């Protein structure tokens, strides 16, 4: 019987260590080593290793390589194509992750049933039965005549049928349950996942097949197991969403064929995941009455602007330990903005609990939300509501300056399209040509923005 070996794998970079230690030698992160039981790997013969070998061609100058873009496959979903950078690329490996119940299998079965009308498609499930797949497709009223399905966990068996059927699109749900006969360990182990994924990816690239892998996530929202999969695939997308909300966001974290900051919005309905054509509308479901601590900001996600409501609640702290809670924003940046507000705005909040939230469950990563956060905090602290037709954006520096942000004109046009009449923006983002029906106020310092609020302009 093969001897079981224990290795310690860093969950951040995927490097292996012979024994546990507090810090990873490769990435420098602390307390990220976790133990995995693995067995010996039976390596294939030379020329068929886990890496992508491609065609056996001699080296040639880079200028002689055909740099024309490969034709993409339109998925039929505008939001999904936006996240992928324009569609699926033949020979690419796409990893999609998400919490249980987020809708990964629902989204993929919808896409494959549509694509199977024009392309050979194969759906491989290792967790559900074929009857469950058929029931889901029938419930969603999807065409089922052209899509081929298979319940299998053996990588060698899958590649055998893959060669015979010659599909152009393959979905493997999920990679954590796949197993290779070359690895003597249980499915889900680091060696098993790595070798199974490498074998499938190598076969996909050799046959110019689009491979979509489904990955599990932990309770923290990260991809389960070591991060070795993220280094092997071409595109990594996460399907996120609050269990209490019907909306889902598809965000790309890695993409070799497009931008990495794109965001797709879907709504979970009885007919499956439907794309949202106007995402700003779902984040602007505001109360008709004026409320304190609420303001609308314009953030830039990928190639389009989004209007998101920022909320803040400032309350008297207790026991001398004020809380700083940020939902949808970065907590460290919130602490920095509060320090700037104290130093350059004259507001002392060291004895106050501060809670901020991005309405709709969206996560805001860019710095253009700084000004909106501060205005919402000031509104809650003073108990003075901001105008309903006010929108703002801008980055706040440590010296209290309001820095310009990219795509300022496009953000203003999106706000005007939704009926906003007043806007506070960095002075450098004020357009040379006034927008009809919108009063734009440019500020260069934080105290100037406070003066605009005090004057009611």
Protein backbone atom coordinates (compact mmCIF):
# COMPACT_ATOMS: atom_id res chain seq x y z
CA UNK A 1 0.00 0.00 0.00
CA UNK A 2 1.34 3.42 -0.93
CA UNK A 3 2.61 5.52 1.94
CA UNK A 4 0.56 8.61 2.76
CA UNK A 5 2.63 11.78 2.90
CA UNK A 6 1.70 14.98 4.71
CA UNK A 7 2.65 18.30 3.11
CA UNK A 8 1.95 21.84 4.26
CA UNK A 9 0.63 24.09 1.52
CA UNK A 10 0.33 27.87 1.64
CA UNK A 11 -3.26 28.92 0.94
CA UNK A 12 -2.06 32.25 -0.50
CA UNK A 13 0.59 31.23 -3.04
CA UNK A 14 0.27 27.42 -3.24
CA UNK A 15 3.88 26.63 -2.31
CA UNK A 16 4.57 23.36 -0.46
CA UNK A 17 6.60 22.92 2.72
CA UNK A 18 7.86 19.73 4.35
CA UNK A 19 6.85 20.86 7.85
CA UNK A 20 4.64 23.47 9.43
CA UNK A 21 6.04 26.91 10.15
CA UNK A 22 4.52 30.25 11.00
CA UNK A 23 5.54 32.13 7.85
CA UNK A 24 5.58 31.05 4.21
CA UNK A 25 9.08 31.28 2.74
CA UNK A 26 7.82 32.25 -0.73
CA UNK A 27 5.13 34.90 -0.20
CA UNK A 28 5.95 35.96 3.36
CA UNK A 29 2.38 35.57 4.68
CA UNK A 30 1.85 34.39 8.25
CA UNK A 31 -0.30 31.46 9.47
CA UNK A 32 -1.30 30.36 5.95
CA UNK A 33 0.17 26.82 5.95
CA UNK A 34 -2.36 24.00 6.08
CA UNK A 35 -1.72 20.27 6.09
CA UNK A 36 -2.79 18.04 3.21
CA UNK A 37 -2.45 14.27 2.96
CA UNK A 38 -1.12 13.19 -0.39
CA UNK A 39 0.23 10.06 -1.97
CA UNK A 40 2.92 9.45 -4.56
CA UNK A 41 2.24 10.73 -8.05
CA UNK A 42 2.79 8.37 -10.96
CA UNK A 43 4.19 10.66 -13.61
CA UNK A 44 3.29 10.01 -17.27
CA UNK A 45 6.06 9.35 -19.74
CA UNK A 46 8.12 12.20 -21.14
CA UNK A 47 6.29 14.60 -23.40
CA UNK A 48 2.94 14.09 -21.66
CA UNK A 49 3.55 15.86 -18.35
CA UNK A 50 1.18 18.13 -16.57
CA UNK A 51 2.35 21.26 -18.40
CA UNK A 52 0.99 22.41 -21.76
CA UNK A 53 3.38 21.20 -24.44
CA UNK A 54 1.54 22.45 -27.52
CA UNK A 55 3.07 21.57 -30.89
CA UNK A 56 6.70 20.50 -31.10
CA UNK A 57 8.01 23.54 -32.98
CA UNK A 58 11.49 25.05 -32.83
CA UNK A 59 11.90 28.53 -31.32
CA UNK A 60 11.19 31.43 -33.66
CA UNK A 61 11.25 35.24 -33.46
CA UNK A 62 8.30 36.83 -31.71
CA UNK A 63 7.62 39.01 -34.77
CA UNK A 64 6.82 35.86 -36.80
CA UNK A 65 4.08 34.76 -34.40
CA UNK A 66 0.55 35.35 -35.67
CA UNK A 67 -0.80 37.99 -33.29
CA UNK A 68 -4.33 38.08 -34.69
CA UNK A 69 -7.02 37.75 -32.04
CA UNK A 70 -8.59 34.33 -31.77
CA UNK A 71 -12.30 34.26 -32.59
CA UNK A 72 -14.42 34.35 -29.44
CA UNK A 73 -17.57 32.38 -28.80
CA UNK A 74 -20.57 34.54 -27.90
CA UNK A 75 -22.29 33.07 -24.83
CA UNK A 76 -25.59 34.80 -25.52
CA UNK A 77 -25.38 36.69 -22.20
CA UNK A 78 -24.24 40.30 -22.44
CA UNK A 79 -23.19 40.45 -18.78
CA UNK A 80 -21.17 37.23 -18.97
CA UNK A 81 -19.48 38.30 -22.21
CA UNK A 82 -18.60 41.63 -20.58
CA UNK A 83 -16.90 39.89 -17.65
CA UNK A 84 -15.03 37.46 -19.91
CA UNK A 85 -13.74 40.29 -22.10
CA UNK A 86 -15.96 39.65 -25.12
CA UNK A 87 -16.78 35.94 -24.98
CA UNK A 88 -15.14 32.53 -24.57
CA UNK A 89 -11.73 31.96 -26.16
CA UNK A 90 -11.09 28.50 -27.71
CA UNK A 91 -8.41 26.64 -25.81
CA UNK A 92 -8.90 28.67 -22.63
CA UNK A 93 -9.55 27.39 -19.10
CA UNK A 94 -12.11 29.33 -17.04
CA UNK A 95 -12.58 28.75 -13.31
CA UNK A 96 -15.84 29.90 -11.72
CA UNK A 97 -16.26 29.91 -7.96
CA UNK A 98 -18.99 30.86 -5.55
CA UNK A 99 -20.73 29.90 -2.36
CA UNK A 100 -23.22 26.99 -2.38
CA UNK A 101 -26.52 28.19 -3.79
CA UNK A 102 -25.06 31.21 -5.56
CA UNK A 103 -26.17 29.86 -8.95
CA UNK A 104 -22.99 28.51 -10.57
CA UNK A 105 -24.61 25.36 -11.95
CA UNK A 106 -27.72 27.28 -12.97
CA UNK A 107 -25.70 29.83 -14.93
CA UNK A 108 -23.58 27.19 -16.65
CA UNK A 109 -26.48 24.95 -17.64
CA UNK A 110 -28.23 27.99 -19.14
CA UNK A 111 -25.16 28.97 -21.13
CA UNK A 112 -24.39 25.47 -22.38
CA UNK A 113 -27.95 24.69 -23.40
CA UNK A 114 -27.94 27.82 -25.56
CA UNK A 115 -24.47 27.25 -27.00
CA UNK A 116 -25.21 23.58 -27.74
CA UNK A 117 -27.53 24.74 -30.53
CA UNK A 118 -24.50 25.85 -32.57
CA UNK A 119 -21.49 24.14 -30.91
CA UNK A 120 -20.74 20.69 -29.54
CA UNK A 121 -21.05 20.99 -25.75
CA UNK A 122 -20.43 18.50 -22.95
CA UNK A 123 -21.51 18.97 -19.31
CA UNK A 124 -19.68 16.69 -16.85
CA UNK A 125 -21.06 16.48 -13.32
CA UNK A 126 -19.34 14.78 -10.43
CA UNK A 127 -21.69 15.92 -7.66
CA UNK A 128 -25.19 15.66 -9.12
CA UNK A 129 -26.95 12.88 -10.96
CA UNK A 130 -28.03 13.21 -14.56
CA UNK A 131 -31.66 13.20 -13.41
CA UNK A 132 -30.99 16.29 -11.29
CA UNK A 133 -29.48 18.07 -14.28
CA UNK A 134 -32.48 17.16 -16.40
CA UNK A 135 -34.89 18.40 -13.73
CA UNK A 136 -33.07 21.75 -13.51
CA UNK A 137 -33.06 22.19 -17.28
CA UNK A 138 -36.77 21.35 -17.46
CA UNK A 139 -37.60 23.78 -14.66
CA UNK A 140 -35.71 26.54 -16.46
CA UNK A 141 -37.41 25.59 -19.75
CA UNK A 142 -34.09 25.21 -21.59
CA UNK A 143 -33.53 23.37 -24.89
CA UNK A 144 -32.13 19.94 -24.07
CA UNK A 145 -31.83 18.17 -27.42
CA UNK A 146 -28.25 19.15 -28.32
CA UNK A 147 -26.44 19.21 -24.96
CA UNK A 148 -24.60 16.03 -23.97
CA UNK A 149 -24.15 15.25 -20.27
CA UNK A 150 -22.08 12.72 -18.33
CA UNK A 151 -21.75 11.82 -14.64
CA UNK A 152 -18.10 10.96 -14.10
CA UNK A 153 -15.21 11.73 -11.74
CA UNK A 154 -12.35 9.86 -13.42
CA UNK A 155 -10.12 12.20 -15.43
CA UNK A 156 -8.88 9.38 -17.68
CA UNK A 157 -12.44 8.31 -18.53
CA UNK A 158 -13.42 11.92 -19.21
CA UNK A 159 -10.52 12.52 -21.61
CA UNK A 160 -11.34 9.27 -23.44
CA UNK A 161 -14.92 10.36 -24.15
CA UNK A 162 -13.60 13.85 -24.83
CA UNK A 163 -11.51 12.55 -27.74
CA UNK A 164 -14.40 10.52 -29.15
CA UNK A 165 -17.06 13.24 -28.90
CA UNK A 166 -14.75 16.16 -29.83
CA UNK A 167 -16.71 18.96 -28.09
CA UNK A 168 -15.93 22.65 -28.37
CA UNK A 169 -17.13 23.47 -24.85
CA UNK A 170 -16.70 21.34 -21.71
CA UNK A 171 -17.94 22.08 -18.18
CA UNK A 172 -16.55 20.12 -15.20
CA UNK A 173 -18.64 20.48 -12.04
CA UNK A 174 -16.63 20.43 -9.89
CA UNK A 175 -12.84 20.10 -9.99
CA UNK A 176 -12.64 19.20 -6.26
CA UNK A 177 -14.33 15.81 -6.85
CA UNK A 178 -12.25 14.82 -9.90
CA UNK A 179 -9.56 12.18 -9.46
CA UNK A 180 -6.68 10.90 -11.56
CA UNK A 181 -5.34 7.35 -11.48
CA UNK A 182 -1.79 8.77 -11.47
CA UNK A 183 -2.31 10.14 -7.94
CA UNK A 184 -2.73 7.85 -4.95
CA UNK A 185 -4.81 10.11 -2.71
CA UNK A 186 -8.41 11.00 -2.01
CA UNK A 187 -10.28 13.51 -4.20
CA UNK A 188 -9.93 17.08 -3.02
CA UNK A 189 -6.31 16.74 -1.92
CA UNK A 190 -3.74 19.19 -3.16
CA UNK A 191 -1.97 16.68 -5.41
CA UNK A 192 -5.25 15.26 -6.75
CA UNK A 193 -6.72 18.66 -7.60
CA UNK A 194 -3.49 19.85 -9.18
CA UNK A 195 -2.95 16.79 -11.37
CA UNK A 196 -6.62 16.50 -12.39
CA UNK A 197 -6.83 20.15 -13.36
CA UNK A 198 -3.49 20.02 -15.19
CA UNK A 199 -4.58 17.01 -17.23
CA UNK A 200 -7.91 18.61 -18.21
CA UNK A 201 -6.32 21.97 -19.03
CA UNK A 202 -3.61 20.34 -21.13
CA UNK A 203 -6.22 18.40 -23.11
CA UNK A 204 -8.32 21.54 -23.60
CA UNK A 205 -5.41 23.51 -25.01
CA UNK A 206 -4.32 20.71 -27.30
CA UNK A 207 -7.82 20.42 -28.78
CA UNK A 208 -8.76 24.16 -28.73
CA UNK A 209 -11.67 23.41 -26.41
CA UNK A 210 -13.19 25.88 -23.97
CA UNK A 211 -12.90 24.32 -20.51
CA UNK A 212 -14.98 25.69 -17.62
CA UNK A 213 -14.15 24.39 -14.16
CA UNK A 214 -16.37 24.87 -11.11
CA UNK A 215 -14.54 25.40 -7.81
CA UNK A 216 -15.74 25.28 -4.22
CA UNK A 217 -15.21 28.20 -1.84
CA UNK A 218 -14.66 28.30 1.89
CA UNK A 219 -16.83 30.05 4.46
CA UNK A 220 -14.56 33.08 4.11
CA UNK A 221 -15.44 33.36 0.41
CA UNK A 222 -12.05 32.19 -0.86
CA UNK A 223 -11.39 29.34 -3.25
CA UNK A 224 -11.19 26.07 -1.33
CA UNK A 225 -7.78 24.45 -0.94
CA UNK A 226 -4.45 25.89 -2.04
CA UNK A 227 -4.42 28.62 -4.66
CA UNK A 228 -2.64 26.44 -7.18
CA UNK A 229 -5.71 26.46 -9.46
CA UNK A 230 -5.62 30.24 -9.85
CA UNK A 231 -2.13 30.03 -11.33
CA UNK A 232 -3.06 27.31 -13.83
CA UNK A 233 -6.22 28.72 -15.39
CA UNK A 234 -6.64 31.64 -17.81
CA UNK A 235 -9.68 33.28 -16.26
CA UNK A 236 -11.04 33.21 -12.71
CA UNK A 237 -14.49 34.62 -11.94
CA UNK A 238 -16.47 34.66 -8.71
CA UNK A 239 -20.27 34.55 -8.49
CA UNK A 240 -21.22 36.47 -5.36
CA UNK A 241 -24.49 37.41 -3.74
CA UNK A 242 -26.30 37.80 -0.46
CA UNK A 243 -28.49 34.74 0.31
CA UNK A 244 -31.30 37.13 1.26
CA UNK A 245 -31.08 39.00 -2.05
CA UNK A 246 -32.03 37.81 -5.50
CA UNK A 247 -29.21 39.73 -7.16
CA UNK A 248 -25.86 38.14 -8.03
CA UNK A 249 -22.62 39.80 -9.08
CA UNK A 250 -20.09 38.13 -11.35
CA UNK A 251 -16.64 39.61 -10.79
CA UNK A 252 -13.45 38.59 -12.60
CA UNK A 253 -10.27 38.28 -10.52
CA UNK A 254 -7.94 37.10 -13.29
CA UNK A 255 -8.30 37.28 -17.04
CA UNK A 256 -5.59 36.73 -19.62
CA UNK A 257 -7.92 37.81 -22.41
CA UNK A 258 -9.50 40.95 -20.97
CA UNK A 259 -9.76 43.40 -18.09
CA UNK A 260 -9.81 42.21 -14.49
CA UNK A 261 -12.15 44.84 -13.08
CA UNK A 262 -15.34 44.01 -14.96
CA UNK A 263 -18.59 43.34 -13.11
CA UNK A 264 -21.71 41.54 -14.29
CA UNK A 265 -25.11 41.80 -12.57
CA UNK A 266 -27.70 39.01 -12.61
CA UNK A 267 -31.06 38.47 -10.93
CA UNK A 268 -32.10 35.02 -9.68
CA UNK A 269 -35.63 34.42 -10.93
CA UNK A 270 -37.82 31.36 -11.39
CA UNK A 271 -36.46 31.06 -14.95
CA UNK A 272 -32.84 31.09 -13.78
CA UNK A 273 -30.25 33.86 -13.72
CA UNK A 274 -31.39 36.81 -15.81
CA UNK A 275 -29.00 39.63 -16.69
CA UNK A 276 -29.75 43.13 -15.38
CA UNK A 277 -29.56 45.67 -18.20
CA UNK A 278 -29.62 48.74 -15.90
CA UNK A 279 -27.55 47.87 -12.79
CA UNK A 280 -27.71 51.38 -11.33
CA UNK A 281 -31.46 51.04 -10.85
CA UNK A 282 -31.13 48.16 -8.36
CA UNK A 283 -28.69 50.12 -6.19
CA UNK A 284 -30.84 53.28 -6.09
CA UNK A 285 -33.96 52.00 -4.38
CA UNK A 286 -33.94 54.90 -1.92
CA UNK A 287 -36.56 56.13 0.48
CA UNK A 288 -38.72 58.99 -0.78
CA UNK A 289 -38.15 60.85 2.50
CA UNK A 290 -34.92 62.64 3.29
CA UNK A 291 -32.73 60.50 5.55
CA UNK A 292 -29.48 61.34 7.28
CA UNK A 293 -26.24 59.56 6.44
CA UNK A 294 -27.20 58.71 2.85
CA UNK A 295 -25.70 59.94 -0.41
CA UNK A 296 -25.34 58.56 -3.94
CA UNK A 297 -21.88 58.08 -5.44
CA UNK A 298 -20.75 57.15 -8.96
CA UNK A 299 -18.24 54.31 -9.05
CA UNK A 300 -16.53 52.92 -12.13
CA UNK A 301 -16.70 49.16 -12.64
CA UNK A 302 -14.80 47.89 -15.64
CA UNK A 303 -16.08 49.85 -18.62
CA UNK A 304 -19.21 51.45 -17.19
CA UNK A 305 -20.31 53.73 -14.35
CA UNK A 306 -22.59 52.54 -11.55
CA UNK A 307 -24.66 54.65 -9.18
CA UNK A 308 -24.50 53.23 -5.65
CA UNK A 309 -25.98 54.57 -2.43
CA UNK A 310 -23.52 54.97 0.44
CA UNK A 311 -24.94 54.92 3.95
CA UNK A 312 -23.31 55.89 7.24
CA UNK A 313 -24.41 55.71 10.86
CA UNK A 314 -22.52 57.62 13.56
CA UNK A 315 -23.55 56.87 17.14
CA UNK A 316 -22.15 57.49 20.59
CA UNK A 317 -19.57 54.84 21.46
CA UNK A 318 -19.47 52.89 24.69
CA UNK A 319 -16.76 51.61 27.04
CA UNK A 320 -14.14 53.79 25.37
CA UNK A 321 -13.71 51.48 22.38
CA UNK A 322 -15.44 53.00 19.33
CA UNK A 323 -16.25 50.58 16.54
CA UNK A 324 -15.37 50.98 12.87
CA UNK A 325 -17.47 48.69 10.68
CA UNK A 326 -17.40 48.82 6.87
CA UNK A 327 -19.65 46.65 4.70
CA UNK A 328 -18.74 46.90 1.03
CA UNK A 329 -15.80 49.22 1.75
CA UNK A 330 -12.27 48.71 3.02
CA UNK A 331 -12.06 49.07 6.80
CA UNK A 332 -8.51 50.42 6.78
CA UNK A 333 -9.46 53.16 4.34
CA UNK A 334 -12.41 54.12 6.53
CA UNK A 335 -10.04 54.62 9.47
CA UNK A 336 -7.78 56.76 7.27
CA UNK A 337 -10.68 58.93 6.10
CA UNK A 338 -11.82 59.51 9.67
CA UNK A 339 -8.32 60.72 10.53
CA UNK A 340 -8.38 63.11 7.55
CA UNK A 341 -11.81 64.34 8.63
CA UNK A 342 -10.47 65.13 12.08
CA UNK A 343 -7.28 66.82 10.90
CA UNK A 344 -8.64 68.83 7.96
CA UNK A 345 -12.38 68.94 8.65
CA UNK A 346 -12.35 69.72 12.36
CA UNK A 347 -14.72 66.87 13.31
CA UNK A 348 -13.65 64.65 16.22
CA UNK A 349 -15.20 61.18 16.01
CA UNK A 350 -12.82 59.29 18.29
CA UNK A 351 -15.64 58.62 20.78
CA UNK A 352 -18.22 57.69 18.12
CA UNK A 353 -19.14 54.33 16.57
CA UNK A 354 -19.01 54.61 12.78
CA UNK A 355 -20.80 52.14 10.49
CA UNK A 356 -20.75 52.45 6.68
CA UNK A 357 -22.52 50.34 4.09
CA UNK A 358 -22.73 50.08 0.30
CA UNK A 359 -26.39 49.41 -0.48
CA UNK A 360 -27.17 46.39 -2.65
CA UNK A 361 -24.37 44.14 -1.46
CA UNK A 362 -21.85 45.52 -3.94
CA UNK A 363 -18.18 45.75 -2.98
CA UNK A 364 -16.55 49.10 -3.77
CA UNK A 365 -12.79 48.91 -4.28
CA UNK A 366 -11.90 52.18 -6.01
CA UNK A 367 -11.00 55.39 -4.20
CA UNK A 368 -13.62 57.56 -5.93
CA UNK A 369 -15.99 56.71 -3.05
CA UNK A 370 -13.91 58.65 -0.49
CA UNK A 371 -15.79 61.94 -0.78
CA UNK A 372 -19.20 60.24 -0.66
CA UNK A 373 -18.24 58.30 2.47
CA UNK A 374 -17.12 61.45 4.28
CA UNK A 375 -20.26 63.39 3.30
CA UNK A 376 -22.48 60.53 4.50
CA UNK A 377 -20.57 60.36 7.81
CA UNK A 378 -20.88 64.13 8.30
CA UNK A 379 -24.60 63.99 7.50
CA UNK A 380 -25.19 61.30 10.11
CA UNK A 381 -23.02 62.99 12.73
CA UNK A 382 -24.80 66.35 12.32
CA UNK A 383 -28.20 64.70 11.86
CA UNK A 384 -28.74 66.74 8.70
CA UNK A 385 -30.02 64.93 5.59
CA UNK A 386 -28.41 65.56 2.23
CA UNK A 387 -30.49 66.53 -0.83
CA UNK A 388 -32.09 63.62 -2.69
CA UNK A 389 -30.85 64.93 -6.03
CA UNK A 390 -27.19 65.18 -4.91
CA UNK A 391 -24.49 62.89 -6.27
CA UNK A 392 -20.76 63.04 -5.60
CA UNK A 393 -17.45 61.31 -6.23
CA UNK A 394 -13.77 62.04 -5.64
CA UNK A 395 -10.64 60.71 -3.97
CA UNK A 396 -9.53 62.28 -0.69
CA UNK A 397 -5.81 62.59 0.03
CA UNK A 398 -4.06 62.62 3.39
CA UNK A 399 -3.57 66.39 3.22
CA UNK A 400 -7.29 66.95 2.71
CA UNK A 401 -7.11 67.55 -1.06
CA UNK A 402 -9.85 66.24 -3.35
CA UNK A 403 -8.12 64.41 -6.18
CA UNK A 404 -9.67 63.84 -9.63
CA UNK A 405 -10.78 60.37 -10.75
CA UNK A 406 -10.84 58.82 -14.24
CA UNK A 407 -13.88 59.04 -16.54
CA UNK A 408 -15.39 62.04 -14.78
CA UNK A 409 -17.59 63.15 -17.68
CA UNK A 410 -19.02 59.66 -18.17
CA UNK A 411 -19.89 59.48 -14.47
CA UNK A 412 -21.69 62.83 -14.64
CA UNK A 413 -23.67 61.78 -17.70
CA UNK A 414 -24.78 58.59 -15.95
CA UNK A 415 -25.95 60.65 -12.96
CA UNK A 416 -27.81 63.09 -15.21
CA UNK A 417 -29.50 60.19 -16.97
CA UNK A 418 -30.98 59.08 -13.63
CA UNK A 419 -32.31 62.55 -12.80
CA UNK A 420 -29.70 63.96 -10.43
CA UNK A 421 -29.52 67.76 -10.49
CA UNK A 422 -26.59 68.59 -8.19
CA UNK A 423 -23.10 67.16 -8.05
CA UNK A 424 -19.99 67.72 -5.92
CA UNK A 425 -16.86 66.59 -7.76
CA UNK A 426 -13.12 67.33 -7.79
CA UNK A 427 -12.37 70.63 -9.49
CA UNK A 428 -10.33 68.89 -12.18
CA UNK A 429 -13.35 66.73 -13.09
CA UNK A 430 -15.67 69.66 -13.82
CA UNK A 431 -16.48 69.44 -17.56
CA UNK A 432 -15.65 72.38 -19.81
CA UNK A 433 -19.09 72.16 -21.38
CA UNK A 434 -21.90 72.33 -18.76
CA UNK A 435 -24.35 69.45 -18.68
CA UNK A 436 -27.97 70.57 -19.21
CA UNK A 437 -30.03 70.52 -16.04
CA UNK A 438 -27.13 69.71 -13.69
CA UNK A 439 -25.42 72.09 -11.29
CA UNK A 440 -21.83 70.90 -10.82
CA UNK A 441 -19.68 72.22 -7.99
CA UNK A 442 -15.94 71.59 -8.12
CA UNK A 443 -13.92 71.41 -4.91
CA UNK A 444 -10.20 71.02 -4.34
CA UNK A 445 -10.11 70.73 -0.53
CA UNK A 446 -12.21 68.90 2.03
CA UNK A 447 -13.14 72.14 3.80
CA UNK A 448 -14.55 73.46 0.50
CA UNK A 449 -16.88 70.45 0.31
CA UNK A 450 -17.98 71.13 3.89
CA UNK A 451 -18.69 74.74 2.98
CA UNK A 452 -20.89 73.60 0.10
CA UNK A 453 -22.94 71.50 2.53
CA UNK A 454 -23.22 74.37 5.02
CA UNK A 455 -24.30 76.82 2.32
CA UNK A 456 -26.87 74.35 0.95
CA UNK A 457 -25.60 74.83 -2.57
